[in-house]
Amino acid sequence: MARYDVNNIAVSSLLSSIKDGSIAIPEIQRPFVWDSTKVRDLIDSLYQNYPVGYIIVWQNPDVKLKDGTISSGKKVVIDGQQRITALAAAIVGQEVVGADYKMFPIKIAFNPQEERFDVVNPAILKDAKYIPDIAAIFDPGFNSFGFVIDYCQKNGITDNEGMSKISDIITRLKSIENNNLGVINLSHELDIEQVTDIFIRINSKGVVLSQADFAMSKISSNEEFGGNIIRKMIDYFFHFLQVPADYSEIRFNDTAFAQTPEFHKIEWIVNENEDIYEPDYSDVLRVAFTYKFSRGRLSDLVSLLSGRDFEARDFKAEIAERAFYDLHDAVLDVVNQTHFQRYVMILKSVGVERASQVRSQNVLNFGYILYLTLKAREIDSSMMERIVRRWIVLTILTGRYSGSPESAFDYDVKRFNTYENPLEYLEQVEAGELSDAFWNNVLVDRLNTSVASSPYFNVFLMAQVKNHDKGFLGEHIEVKAMLEERGDIHHLFPKKYLIRNGITSKGQYNQIANYVYLQSEINIKKLYQ
């Protein structure tokens, strides 16, 4: 069976297919990132009958309903969402959402006499030669004959030849909606890894989408089981965490979602001041999925949301429905204020005072997965915190999630759920990964680096914070305070001293084993002793 087919579709048909739901745009309320001039260029290319690229859609699999009948899967736009949104804005007059989540129109003006498109501006609005908004031309009630007469009168065009030319140009402009775009239909039999690879190969010079992006497209295109609500929860939670000032704009622009219980569940993050753990939308999705489904591969999430029965190897509506509802509950657990803040407290109790101390986001993500997993199992809170703390330190020291994090996530979450006492699995991994050989040989070898952001130096600082150690040679100020105030790292043995005594290699005197947090005043005194 062919993995894809290539067809053409008229602009008007494409917009109609989106309107009737046969082609689903992942989330029409997501920010539009194109510059207005790019919209102008797209419309001009259509007017000139130039190719404008392809829309890539992924056919959802047909699913078996409870009554035994088959429901045909709709198509989801994988690539081309910005182009479609641009067409809807320019031709239909639909407002778009900017990067700041403010709604705004994109009005493309047209000068029939010069056959020139421009982004509307105050000067164009005063110029009778321009049609200030081409969306008026595509309105179903547009009267072409009356419009041409009115335009010609305003511009002093009285001869039949001139009027006829303007009429032909307006007809050509209106025919844009009949121009074709290329559509690549990807087969539903392609899995997410294959779709990702196809997208990267086609769009290698553009923005590379991750499997999380495809999963989010799958989620947001489903309104039947509330996928669009899940998507907004994830997107807005991440955005509030990054730009809390946009809260009022989003609440005003998306009034329907602002009235939902889900919106109220994420509002608290606007006032959160801690920045130790700041997951983006892909992190939130991964944490929710891995914790709730005990799986680490996002491709499995896409399969489950499609209704895949892994044993029967077919697709069932009830599986898709359950997957969406479980994911909804999992995301609520991830964005829950108590859960999130409790996890941040655990991180601080390990000695993490700022985000840069943990270079691997995957370490932080799995730490949260582990916390939610053990909490769902109703493990004693003190035991749960102890396991999470030790696991975080272990994974930082061993780089456990630096290679193939999905495989490692999948393996570890399954083991923690398999062991009746999760502490046993922790101790088993510690015995294997943090043996005497690690402390006596591996760690010593890895200290041979001058990179101050080394995970080993950061674990050392975490231990100092946990033990309330003072800065080197200091009596009052703790390392914790220095980290909070972005203190300075200095040499334990001054660089000049080491050079005078024969250690002249930069790689030797700058090793992290010679780094400490030290008050600047004390460091200056050391230099002159």
Protein backbone atom coordinates (compact mmCIF):
# COMPACT_ATOMS: atom_id res chain seq x y z
CA MET A 1 0.00 0.00 0.00
CA ALA A 2 1.26 3.51 -0.87
CA ARG A 3 2.52 5.47 2.09
CA TYR A 4 1.18 8.73 0.71
CA ASP A 5 -0.59 10.30 -2.24
CA VAL A 6 -0.29 13.75 -3.74
CA ASN A 7 -3.31 15.76 -4.85
CA ASN A 8 -4.34 19.32 -5.55
CA ILE A 9 -7.10 21.15 -3.72
CA ALA A 10 -8.64 24.54 -4.43
CA VAL A 11 -8.15 27.22 -1.79
CA SER A 12 -11.92 27.51 -1.35
CA SER A 13 -12.29 23.73 -1.00
CA LEU A 14 -9.48 23.59 1.55
CA LEU A 15 -11.09 26.28 3.68
CA SER A 16 -14.48 24.54 3.34
CA SER A 17 -12.98 21.19 4.39
CA ILE A 18 -11.55 22.82 7.48
CA LYS A 19 -14.88 24.47 8.23
CA ASP A 20 -16.85 21.21 7.95
CA GLY A 21 -14.26 19.29 10.01
CA SER A 22 -13.06 16.78 7.41
CA ILE A 23 -9.60 18.33 7.72
CA ALA A 24 -8.65 19.31 11.26
CA ILE A 25 -6.28 22.12 12.09
CA PRO A 26 -4.58 21.16 15.35
CA GLU A 27 -5.45 24.37 17.17
CA ILE A 28 -6.77 27.48 15.47
CA GLN A 29 -6.12 29.53 18.64
CA ARG A 30 -2.36 28.87 18.66
CA PRO A 31 -0.15 31.92 17.99
CA PHE A 32 0.34 32.97 14.38
CA VAL A 33 4.04 33.59 13.82
CA TRP A 34 4.16 34.78 10.24
CA ASP A 35 4.98 38.39 9.51
CA SER A 36 2.18 40.23 7.66
CA THR A 37 4.46 40.74 4.67
CA LYS A 38 4.72 36.97 4.34
CA VAL A 39 0.92 36.78 4.11
CA ARG A 40 1.06 39.44 1.39
CA ASP A 41 3.66 37.43 -0.53
CA LEU A 42 1.53 34.27 -0.27
CA ILE A 43 -1.49 36.03 -1.75
CA ASP A 44 0.65 37.59 -4.49
CA SER A 45 2.07 34.16 -5.38
CA LEU A 46 -1.45 32.76 -5.73
CA TYR A 47 -2.42 35.75 -7.87
CA GLN A 48 0.59 35.13 -10.12
CA ASN A 49 -0.26 31.40 -10.28
CA TYR A 50 3.07 30.57 -8.67
CA PRO A 51 3.45 27.37 -6.61
CA VAL A 52 3.05 27.98 -2.87
CA GLY A 53 4.21 24.68 -1.45
CA TYR A 54 2.35 21.73 -0.02
CA ILE A 55 -0.02 21.11 2.83
CA ILE A 56 0.79 17.84 4.61
CA VAL A 57 -2.11 15.99 6.21
CA TRP A 58 -2.02 12.74 8.13
CA GLN A 59 -4.98 10.42 7.74
CA ASN A 60 -6.24 9.21 11.10
CA PRO A 61 -6.96 5.47 11.11
CA ASP A 62 -10.51 4.20 10.75
CA VAL A 63 -11.81 3.07 14.13
CA LYS A 64 -14.24 0.35 15.12
CA LEU A 65 -17.23 1.71 17.05
CA LYS A 66 -18.99 -0.10 19.89
CA ASP A 67 -21.77 -1.24 17.58
CA GLY A 68 -19.24 -2.83 15.23
CA THR A 69 -19.45 -0.19 12.51
CA ILE A 70 -16.40 1.62 11.15
CA SER A 71 -15.88 5.36 11.51
CA SER A 72 -13.66 7.00 8.90
CA GLY A 73 -10.79 8.94 10.44
CA LYS A 74 -10.45 12.64 9.68
CA LYS A 75 -7.30 14.22 8.33
CA VAL A 76 -5.02 16.28 10.56
CA VAL A 77 -2.86 19.09 9.23
CA ILE A 78 0.76 18.26 10.05
CA ASP A 79 2.51 20.97 8.04
CA GLY A 80 1.00 24.10 6.55
CA GLN A 81 -1.04 25.39 9.47
CA GLN A 82 0.50 28.87 9.22
CA ARG A 83 -0.24 28.98 5.49
CA ILE A 84 -3.84 27.95 6.02
CA THR A 85 -4.28 30.49 8.82
CA ALA A 86 -2.79 33.17 6.54
CA LEU A 87 -5.32 32.34 3.82
CA ALA A 88 -8.19 32.38 6.30
CA ALA A 89 -7.03 35.76 7.60
CA ALA A 90 -6.53 37.42 4.21
CA ILE A 91 -9.41 35.87 2.27
CA VAL A 92 -12.04 35.22 4.93
CA GLY A 93 -11.08 38.11 7.23
CA GLN A 94 -10.57 35.86 10.24
CA GLU A 95 -8.57 37.39 13.10
CA VAL A 96 -5.46 35.57 14.27
CA VAL A 97 -3.73 35.21 17.62
CA GLY A 98 -0.28 36.79 17.87
CA ALA A 99 2.72 35.65 19.88
CA ASP A 100 1.39 37.75 22.78
CA TYR A 101 -2.01 35.99 22.46
CA LYS A 102 -3.71 39.20 21.33
CA MET A 103 -6.27 38.91 18.54
CA PHE A 104 -5.59 41.01 15.48
CA PRO A 105 -6.65 41.14 11.80
CA ILE A 106 -4.30 40.87 8.87
CA LYS A 107 -5.60 43.09 6.10
CA ILE A 108 -4.00 42.80 2.69
CA ALA A 109 -4.61 45.75 0.38
CA PHE A 110 -4.63 45.58 -3.43
CA ASN A 111 -3.99 48.22 -6.08
CA PRO A 112 -5.79 46.99 -9.26
CA GLN A 113 -4.15 49.63 -11.43
CA GLU A 114 -0.64 48.38 -10.60
CA GLU A 115 -1.75 44.85 -9.64
CA ARG A 116 0.17 45.24 -6.41
CA PHE A 117 -0.47 43.81 -2.95
CA ASP A 118 0.52 45.57 0.26
CA VAL A 119 -0.05 45.24 3.97
CA VAL A 120 -2.60 47.90 4.82
CA ASN A 121 -1.31 51.07 6.51
CA PRO A 122 -2.68 54.61 7.16
CA ALA A 123 -1.34 55.91 3.84
CA ILE A 124 -3.01 53.11 1.88
CA LEU A 125 -6.32 53.76 3.65
CA LYS A 126 -6.25 57.29 2.24
CA ASP A 127 -5.31 56.19 -1.28
CA ALA A 128 -8.34 55.62 -3.53
CA LYS A 129 -6.24 53.40 -5.80
CA TYR A 130 -6.20 50.65 -3.18
CA ILE A 131 -8.80 48.15 -2.11
CA PRO A 132 -8.00 48.36 1.65
CA ASP A 133 -8.98 44.76 2.45
CA ILE A 134 -9.22 42.05 -0.20
CA ALA A 135 -11.44 39.97 2.11
CA ALA A 136 -14.34 42.12 0.87
CA ILE A 137 -13.80 40.73 -2.65
CA PHE A 138 -14.30 37.17 -1.42
CA ASP A 139 -17.46 37.87 0.55
CA PRO A 140 -20.38 35.74 -0.78
CA GLY A 141 -22.46 38.90 -1.22
CA PHE A 142 -19.80 40.76 -3.21
CA ASN A 143 -21.23 42.65 -6.22
CA SER A 144 -18.44 42.76 -8.76
CA PHE A 145 -20.27 44.97 -11.28
CA GLY A 146 -21.23 47.62 -8.75
CA PHE A 147 -17.78 47.53 -7.14
CA VAL A 148 -15.98 48.16 -10.46
CA ILE A 149 -18.22 51.13 -11.31
CA ASP A 150 -17.70 52.65 -7.85
CA TYR A 151 -13.92 52.09 -7.95
CA CYS A 152 -13.58 53.61 -11.41
CA GLN A 153 -15.60 56.67 -10.44
CA LYS A 154 -13.35 57.29 -7.39
CA ASN A 155 -10.23 56.97 -9.55
CA GLY A 156 -11.40 58.94 -12.60
CA ILE A 157 -11.49 55.93 -14.93
CA THR A 158 -14.24 56.70 -17.44
CA ASP A 159 -13.28 54.91 -20.68
CA ASN A 160 -14.70 51.49 -21.42
CA GLU A 161 -11.26 49.96 -21.96
CA GLY A 162 -10.04 51.13 -18.55
CA MET A 163 -13.20 49.92 -16.81
CA SER A 164 -13.02 46.58 -18.59
CA LYS A 165 -9.39 46.14 -17.51
CA ILE A 166 -10.26 46.82 -13.85
CA SER A 167 -13.14 44.35 -14.12
CA ASP A 168 -10.84 41.65 -15.50
CA ILE A 169 -8.29 42.27 -12.74
CA ILE A 170 -10.94 42.01 -10.02
CA THR A 171 -12.15 38.75 -11.59
CA ARG A 172 -8.58 37.46 -11.59
CA LEU A 173 -8.17 38.49 -7.95
CA LYS A 174 -11.37 36.69 -6.97
CA SER A 175 -10.20 33.58 -8.84
CA ILE A 176 -7.46 33.14 -6.22
CA GLU A 177 -9.92 31.02 -4.25
CA ASN A 178 -10.04 28.62 -7.19
CA ASN A 179 -6.26 28.24 -7.35
CA ASN A 180 -4.81 24.96 -6.19
CA LEU A 181 -2.51 24.02 -3.35
CA GLY A 182 -0.66 20.75 -3.27
CA VAL A 183 -1.76 18.31 -0.58
CA ILE A 184 0.34 15.36 0.57
CA ASN A 185 -1.89 12.78 2.25
CA LEU A 186 0.12 10.55 4.58
CA SER A 187 -1.31 7.08 5.15
CA HIS A 188 -2.74 6.20 8.54
CA GLU A 189 -0.51 3.11 8.49
CA LEU A 190 2.56 5.30 8.98
CA ASP A 191 3.63 5.50 12.61
CA ILE A 192 4.75 8.71 14.31
CA GLU A 193 8.47 7.99 13.82
CA GLN A 194 7.93 7.65 10.07
CA VAL A 195 5.78 10.79 9.92
CA THR A 196 8.45 12.69 11.85
CA ASP A 197 11.14 11.50 9.45
CA ILE A 198 9.05 12.45 6.40
CA PHE A 199 8.40 15.90 7.78
CA ILE A 200 12.09 16.51 8.55
CA ARG A 201 13.12 15.37 5.06
CA ILE A 202 10.55 17.60 3.36
CA ASN A 203 11.05 20.55 5.69
CA SER A 204 14.74 20.23 6.48
CA LYS A 205 15.38 23.97 6.21
CA GLY A 206 12.35 24.97 8.22
CA VAL A 207 11.35 24.46 11.83
CA VAL A 208 11.88 20.84 12.80
CA LEU A 209 8.88 19.45 14.60
CA SER A 210 9.35 16.93 17.37
CA GLN A 211 7.26 13.89 18.16
CA ALA A 212 5.72 15.99 20.93
CA ASP A 213 4.52 18.45 18.28
CA PHE A 214 2.85 15.67 16.34
CA ALA A 215 1.30 14.27 19.50
CA MET A 216 -0.03 17.72 20.37
CA SER A 217 -1.49 18.02 16.86
CA LYS A 218 -3.25 14.72 17.40
CA ILE A 219 -4.57 15.85 20.77
CA SER A 220 -5.84 19.26 19.76
CA SER A 221 -7.60 18.06 16.61
CA ASN A 222 -10.00 15.95 18.70
CA GLU A 223 -12.96 17.81 20.15
CA GLU A 224 -15.14 14.74 20.67
CA PHE A 225 -13.12 13.60 23.69
CA GLY A 226 -11.88 17.00 24.80
CA GLY A 227 -8.47 16.96 23.15
CA ASN A 228 -8.69 20.67 22.41
CA ILE A 229 -9.17 21.32 26.13
CA ILE A 230 -6.12 19.21 26.98
CA ARG A 231 -4.05 21.13 24.45
CA LYS A 232 -5.04 24.49 25.88
CA MET A 233 -4.31 23.37 29.42
CA ILE A 234 -0.80 22.38 28.41
CA ASP A 235 -0.14 25.39 26.19
CA TYR A 236 -1.47 28.01 28.58
CA PHE A 237 0.18 26.49 31.64
CA PHE A 238 3.55 26.66 29.90
CA HIS A 239 2.87 30.16 28.61
CA PHE A 240 1.76 31.50 32.00
CA LEU A 241 4.93 30.05 33.48
CA GLN A 242 7.02 31.91 30.92
CA VAL A 243 5.02 35.11 30.43
CA PRO A 244 2.56 35.60 33.33
CA ALA A 245 1.82 39.13 32.07
CA ASP A 246 -0.20 37.62 29.19
CA TYR A 247 -2.74 36.11 31.58
CA SER A 248 -5.29 38.91 31.18
CA GLU A 249 -5.01 38.90 27.40
CA ILE A 250 -5.52 35.15 27.14
CA ARG A 251 -8.45 35.21 29.54
CA PHE A 252 -10.04 38.03 27.52
CA ASN A 253 -9.40 36.49 24.10
CA ASP A 254 -10.35 32.91 24.95
CA THR A 255 -13.43 33.57 27.06
CA ALA A 256 -14.92 30.11 26.50
CA PHE A 257 -11.88 28.30 27.91
CA ALA A 258 -11.50 30.90 30.68
CA GLN A 259 -14.83 29.71 32.09
CA THR A 260 -13.78 26.07 32.30
CA PRO A 261 -12.59 24.25 35.45
CA GLU A 262 -9.37 23.42 33.60
CA PHE A 263 -8.48 27.09 33.21
CA HIS A 264 -9.03 27.70 36.91
CA LYS A 265 -6.73 24.76 37.68
CA ILE A 266 -3.79 26.45 35.95
CA GLU A 267 -4.34 30.07 37.02
CA TRP A 268 -2.17 29.69 40.11
CA ILE A 269 1.02 29.42 38.02
CA VAL A 270 0.73 33.12 37.11
CA ASN A 271 1.83 34.03 40.63
CA GLU A 272 4.49 31.32 40.98
CA ASN A 273 7.93 32.80 41.60
CA GLU A 274 10.11 29.68 41.70
CA ASP A 275 12.06 29.02 38.52
CA ILE A 276 13.84 25.80 39.47
CA TYR A 277 11.55 23.65 37.33
CA GLU A 278 10.02 25.27 34.25
CA PRO A 279 8.65 22.56 31.95
CA ASP A 280 7.67 23.52 28.41
CA TYR A 281 4.65 22.06 26.62
CA SER A 282 6.55 18.94 25.51
CA ASP A 283 7.77 18.35 29.08
CA VAL A 284 4.25 18.63 30.49
CA LEU A 285 2.98 16.20 27.87
CA ARG A 286 5.79 13.71 28.45
CA VAL A 287 5.45 13.80 32.24
CA ALA A 288 1.67 13.33 32.08
CA PHE A 289 1.84 10.49 29.58
CA THR A 290 4.70 8.54 31.17
CA TYR A 291 3.27 8.83 34.66
CA LYS A 292 -0.29 7.87 33.76
CA PHE A 293 0.31 5.23 31.09
CA SER A 294 3.61 3.76 32.38
CA ARG A 295 5.10 4.17 28.92
CA GLY A 296 8.01 6.32 27.81
CA ARG A 297 7.55 6.56 24.03
CA LEU A 298 5.34 9.34 22.71
CA SER A 299 4.65 7.24 19.62
CA ASP A 300 2.65 4.96 21.92
CA LEU A 301 0.58 7.94 23.04
CA VAL A 302 -0.33 8.78 19.44
CA SER A 303 -1.30 5.14 18.86
CA LEU A 304 -3.47 5.05 21.98
CA LEU A 305 -5.17 8.34 21.10
CA SER A 306 -5.92 6.80 17.70
CA GLY A 307 -7.59 3.88 19.49
CA ARG A 308 -4.98 1.27 18.79
CA ASP A 309 -5.45 -2.11 20.41
CA PHE A 310 -1.86 -3.35 20.72
CA GLU A 311 -2.96 -6.97 21.13
CA ALA A 312 -5.65 -7.19 18.43
CA ARG A 313 -3.69 -4.80 16.18
CA ASP A 314 -6.73 -2.79 15.17
CA PHE A 315 -8.29 0.50 16.23
CA LYS A 316 -11.24 0.89 18.58
CA ALA A 317 -13.15 4.02 19.53
CA GLU A 318 -13.41 3.05 23.20
CA ILE A 319 -9.60 2.81 23.49
CA ALA A 320 -9.22 6.31 22.03
CA GLU A 321 -11.90 7.64 24.35
CA ARG A 322 -10.27 6.14 27.44
CA ALA A 323 -6.83 7.39 26.38
CA PHE A 324 -8.07 10.96 26.02
CA TYR A 325 -9.83 10.89 29.38
CA ASP A 326 -6.80 9.38 31.12
CA LEU A 327 -4.51 11.96 29.53
CA HIS A 328 -6.85 14.74 30.64
CA ASP A 329 -6.66 13.52 34.24
CA ALA A 330 -2.89 13.10 34.01
CA VAL A 331 -2.37 16.67 32.79
CA LEU A 332 -4.53 17.91 35.67
CA ASP A 333 -2.23 16.02 38.04
CA VAL A 334 0.86 17.57 36.45
CA VAL A 335 -0.45 21.16 36.65
CA ASN A 336 -1.92 20.68 40.11
CA GLN A 337 -0.59 23.41 42.39
CA THR A 338 0.02 21.15 45.38
CA HIS A 339 1.80 18.50 43.32
CA PHE A 340 3.96 20.98 41.44
CA GLN A 341 5.00 23.00 44.47
CA ARG A 342 5.62 19.87 46.52
CA TYR A 343 7.94 18.57 43.84
CA VAL A 344 9.82 21.88 43.74
CA MET A 345 10.21 21.61 47.52
CA ILE A 346 11.74 18.16 47.06
CA LEU A 347 14.19 19.60 44.54
CA LYS A 348 15.16 22.33 46.99
CA SER A 349 15.58 19.75 49.74
CA VAL A 350 18.14 17.99 47.53
CA GLY A 351 20.10 21.22 47.36
CA VAL A 352 18.87 22.60 44.03
CA GLU A 353 18.69 26.37 44.34
CA ARG A 354 18.56 27.37 40.69
CA ALA A 355 17.65 25.70 37.41
CA SER A 356 21.21 25.78 36.03
CA GLN A 357 22.32 23.29 38.68
CA VAL A 358 20.48 20.52 36.82
CA ARG A 359 21.54 20.70 33.19
CA SER A 360 19.31 17.85 32.06
CA GLN A 361 15.62 18.67 31.77
CA ASN A 362 14.99 14.95 31.45
CA VAL A 363 16.30 14.43 35.00
CA LEU A 364 13.78 16.95 36.31
CA ASN A 365 11.00 15.49 34.19
CA PHE A 366 11.52 11.95 35.39
CA GLY A 367 11.83 13.16 38.96
CA TYR A 368 8.33 14.60 38.62
CA ILE A 369 7.10 11.44 36.90
CA LEU A 370 8.47 9.40 39.80
CA TYR A 371 6.87 11.70 42.37
CA LEU A 372 3.44 11.44 40.69
CA THR A 373 3.81 7.68 40.19
CA LEU A 374 4.65 6.99 43.83
CA LYS A 375 1.95 9.36 45.01
CA ALA A 376 -0.64 7.56 42.89
CA ARG A 377 0.51 4.32 44.51
CA GLU A 378 -0.03 5.95 47.92
CA ILE A 379 3.56 5.35 49.01
CA ASP A 380 4.32 6.88 52.42
CA SER A 381 5.17 10.55 51.85
CA SER A 382 8.51 10.48 53.69
CA MET A 383 9.58 7.35 51.82
CA MET A 384 8.38 8.84 48.53
CA GLU A 385 10.42 12.02 49.02
CA ARG A 386 13.50 10.01 50.00
CA ILE A 387 13.27 7.87 46.85
CA VAL A 388 12.76 10.89 44.57
CA ARG A 389 15.71 12.76 46.11
CA ARG A 390 18.09 9.83 45.77
CA TRP A 391 16.93 9.07 42.23
CA ILE A 392 17.52 12.64 41.11
CA VAL A 393 21.09 12.61 42.43
CA LEU A 394 21.72 9.19 40.90
CA THR A 395 20.49 10.21 37.45
CA ILE A 396 22.51 13.45 37.49
CA LEU A 397 25.73 11.61 38.40
CA THR A 398 25.25 8.79 35.90
CA GLY A 399 23.75 10.77 32.99
CA ARG A 400 21.04 8.14 32.87
CA TYR A 401 18.70 10.16 30.61
CA SER A 402 21.26 11.74 28.30
CA GLY A 403 21.34 9.04 25.63
CA SER A 404 17.95 7.59 24.73
CA PRO A 405 15.63 9.18 27.28
CA GLU A 406 12.41 7.64 25.95
CA SER A 407 13.75 4.11 26.28
CA ALA A 408 15.17 4.86 29.73
CA PHE A 409 11.90 6.49 30.86
CA ASP A 410 9.95 3.50 29.61
CA TYR A 411 12.24 1.04 31.39
CA ASP A 412 12.37 2.90 34.71
CA VAL A 413 8.69 3.77 35.08
CA LYS A 414 7.74 0.15 34.41
CA ARG A 415 10.24 -1.09 37.02
CA PHE A 416 9.09 1.35 39.67
CA ASN A 417 5.52 0.16 39.11
CA THR A 418 6.52 -3.49 39.06
CA TYR A 419 8.35 -3.55 42.40
CA GLU A 420 6.01 -3.80 45.35
CA ASN A 421 8.56 -1.79 47.31
CA PRO A 422 9.99 0.86 44.93
CA LEU A 423 12.90 1.43 47.31
CA GLU A 424 14.20 -2.00 46.30
CA TYR A 425 14.52 -0.95 42.67
CA LEU A 426 16.29 2.26 43.68
CA GLU A 427 18.79 0.37 45.81
CA GLN A 428 19.34 -2.19 43.06
CA VAL A 429 20.21 0.55 40.54
CA GLU A 430 22.38 2.36 43.09
CA ALA A 431 24.34 -0.82 43.76
CA GLY A 432 25.03 -1.26 40.07
CA GLU A 433 25.59 2.35 38.99
CA LEU A 434 27.16 3.90 42.10
CA SER A 435 29.49 1.12 43.19
CA ASP A 436 32.96 1.63 44.72
CA ALA A 437 34.33 1.56 41.17
CA PHE A 438 32.26 4.64 40.34
CA TRP A 439 33.42 6.63 43.38
CA ASN A 440 37.06 5.53 43.21
CA ASN A 441 37.65 5.60 39.46
CA VAL A 442 34.82 6.84 37.22
CA LEU A 443 33.98 9.97 39.21
CA VAL A 444 37.63 10.84 39.75
CA ASP A 445 38.26 10.65 36.01
CA ARG A 446 35.21 12.82 35.25
CA LEU A 447 36.40 15.53 37.63
CA ASN A 448 39.15 16.17 35.10
CA THR A 449 37.30 19.05 33.43
CA SER A 450 37.27 22.82 33.70
CA VAL A 451 33.57 23.20 32.83
CA ALA A 452 31.97 24.87 35.84
CA SER A 453 28.52 23.66 34.77
CA SER A 454 29.66 20.05 35.14
CA PRO A 455 26.99 17.90 36.79
CA TYR A 456 29.58 16.61 39.25
CA PHE A 457 30.49 20.08 40.47
CA ASN A 458 26.78 20.92 40.69
CA VAL A 459 26.09 17.83 42.81
CA PHE A 460 28.93 18.95 45.08
CA LEU A 461 27.24 22.35 45.44
CA MET A 462 23.90 20.66 46.09
CA ALA A 463 25.53 18.68 48.92
CA GLN A 464 26.93 21.91 50.36
CA VAL A 465 23.50 23.54 50.25
CA LYS A 466 21.87 20.55 51.91
CA ASN A 467 24.51 20.58 54.67
CA HIS A 468 24.25 24.37 55.15
CA ASP A 469 27.96 24.75 54.43
CA LYS A 470 29.51 28.20 54.57
CA GLY A 471 31.44 29.62 51.65
CA PHE A 472 35.12 28.63 51.60
CA LEU A 473 37.04 30.38 54.41
CA GLY A 474 33.84 32.22 55.31
CA GLU A 475 32.16 32.32 58.69
CA HIS A 476 28.67 33.64 58.02
CA ILE A 477 27.43 33.40 54.42
CA GLU A 478 26.27 29.97 53.27
CA VAL A 479 26.78 28.53 49.79
CA LYS A 480 22.99 28.50 49.50
CA ALA A 481 22.88 32.30 49.80
CA MET A 482 25.67 32.67 47.26
CA LEU A 483 23.76 30.55 44.77
CA GLU A 484 20.57 32.51 45.37
CA GLU A 485 22.40 35.78 44.76
CA ARG A 486 24.38 34.40 41.81
CA GLY A 487 27.68 34.33 43.70
CA ASP A 488 31.10 33.80 42.14
CA ILE A 489 33.17 30.67 41.63
CA HIS A 490 36.83 31.07 42.55
CA HIS A 491 39.91 28.85 42.66
CA LEU A 492 40.54 26.88 45.84
CA PHE A 493 44.27 27.23 45.18
CA PRO A 494 44.86 30.58 43.43
CA LYS A 495 45.79 30.28 39.77
CA LYS A 496 48.90 32.43 40.13
CA TYR A 497 50.08 30.37 43.08
CA LEU A 498 49.76 27.15 41.10
CA ILE A 499 51.57 28.63 38.11
CA ARG A 500 54.44 29.80 40.33
CA ASN A 501 54.72 26.25 41.62
CA GLY A 502 54.97 24.61 38.24
CA ILE A 503 51.36 23.85 37.41
CA THR A 504 51.16 25.93 34.23
CA SER A 505 48.62 23.99 32.18
CA LYS A 506 45.25 25.69 32.05
CA GLY A 507 43.59 22.28 31.98
CA GLN A 508 45.18 21.50 35.37
CA TYR A 509 44.69 24.66 37.43
CA ASN A 510 41.14 25.15 36.10
CA GLN A 511 39.85 21.71 37.03
CA ILE A 512 36.52 21.72 38.85
CA ALA A 513 38.20 20.01 41.80
CA ASN A 514 39.87 23.39 42.31
CA TYR A 515 36.61 25.37 42.22
CA VAL A 516 34.72 26.66 45.26
CA TYR A 517 32.13 29.27 46.06
CA LEU A 518 34.00 32.04 47.79
CA GLN A 519 33.19 35.59 48.81
CA SER A 520 34.93 38.07 46.51
CA GLU A 521 36.42 39.92 49.49
CA ILE A 522 38.06 36.74 50.80
CA ASN A 523 39.30 35.89 47.31
CA ILE A 524 41.03 39.29 47.04
CA LYS A 525 42.74 38.77 50.40
CA LYS A 526 43.99 35.38 49.26
CA LEU A 527 45.62 36.91 46.20
CA TYR A 528 47.84 39.13 48.33
CA GLN A 529 48.83 36.63 50.99
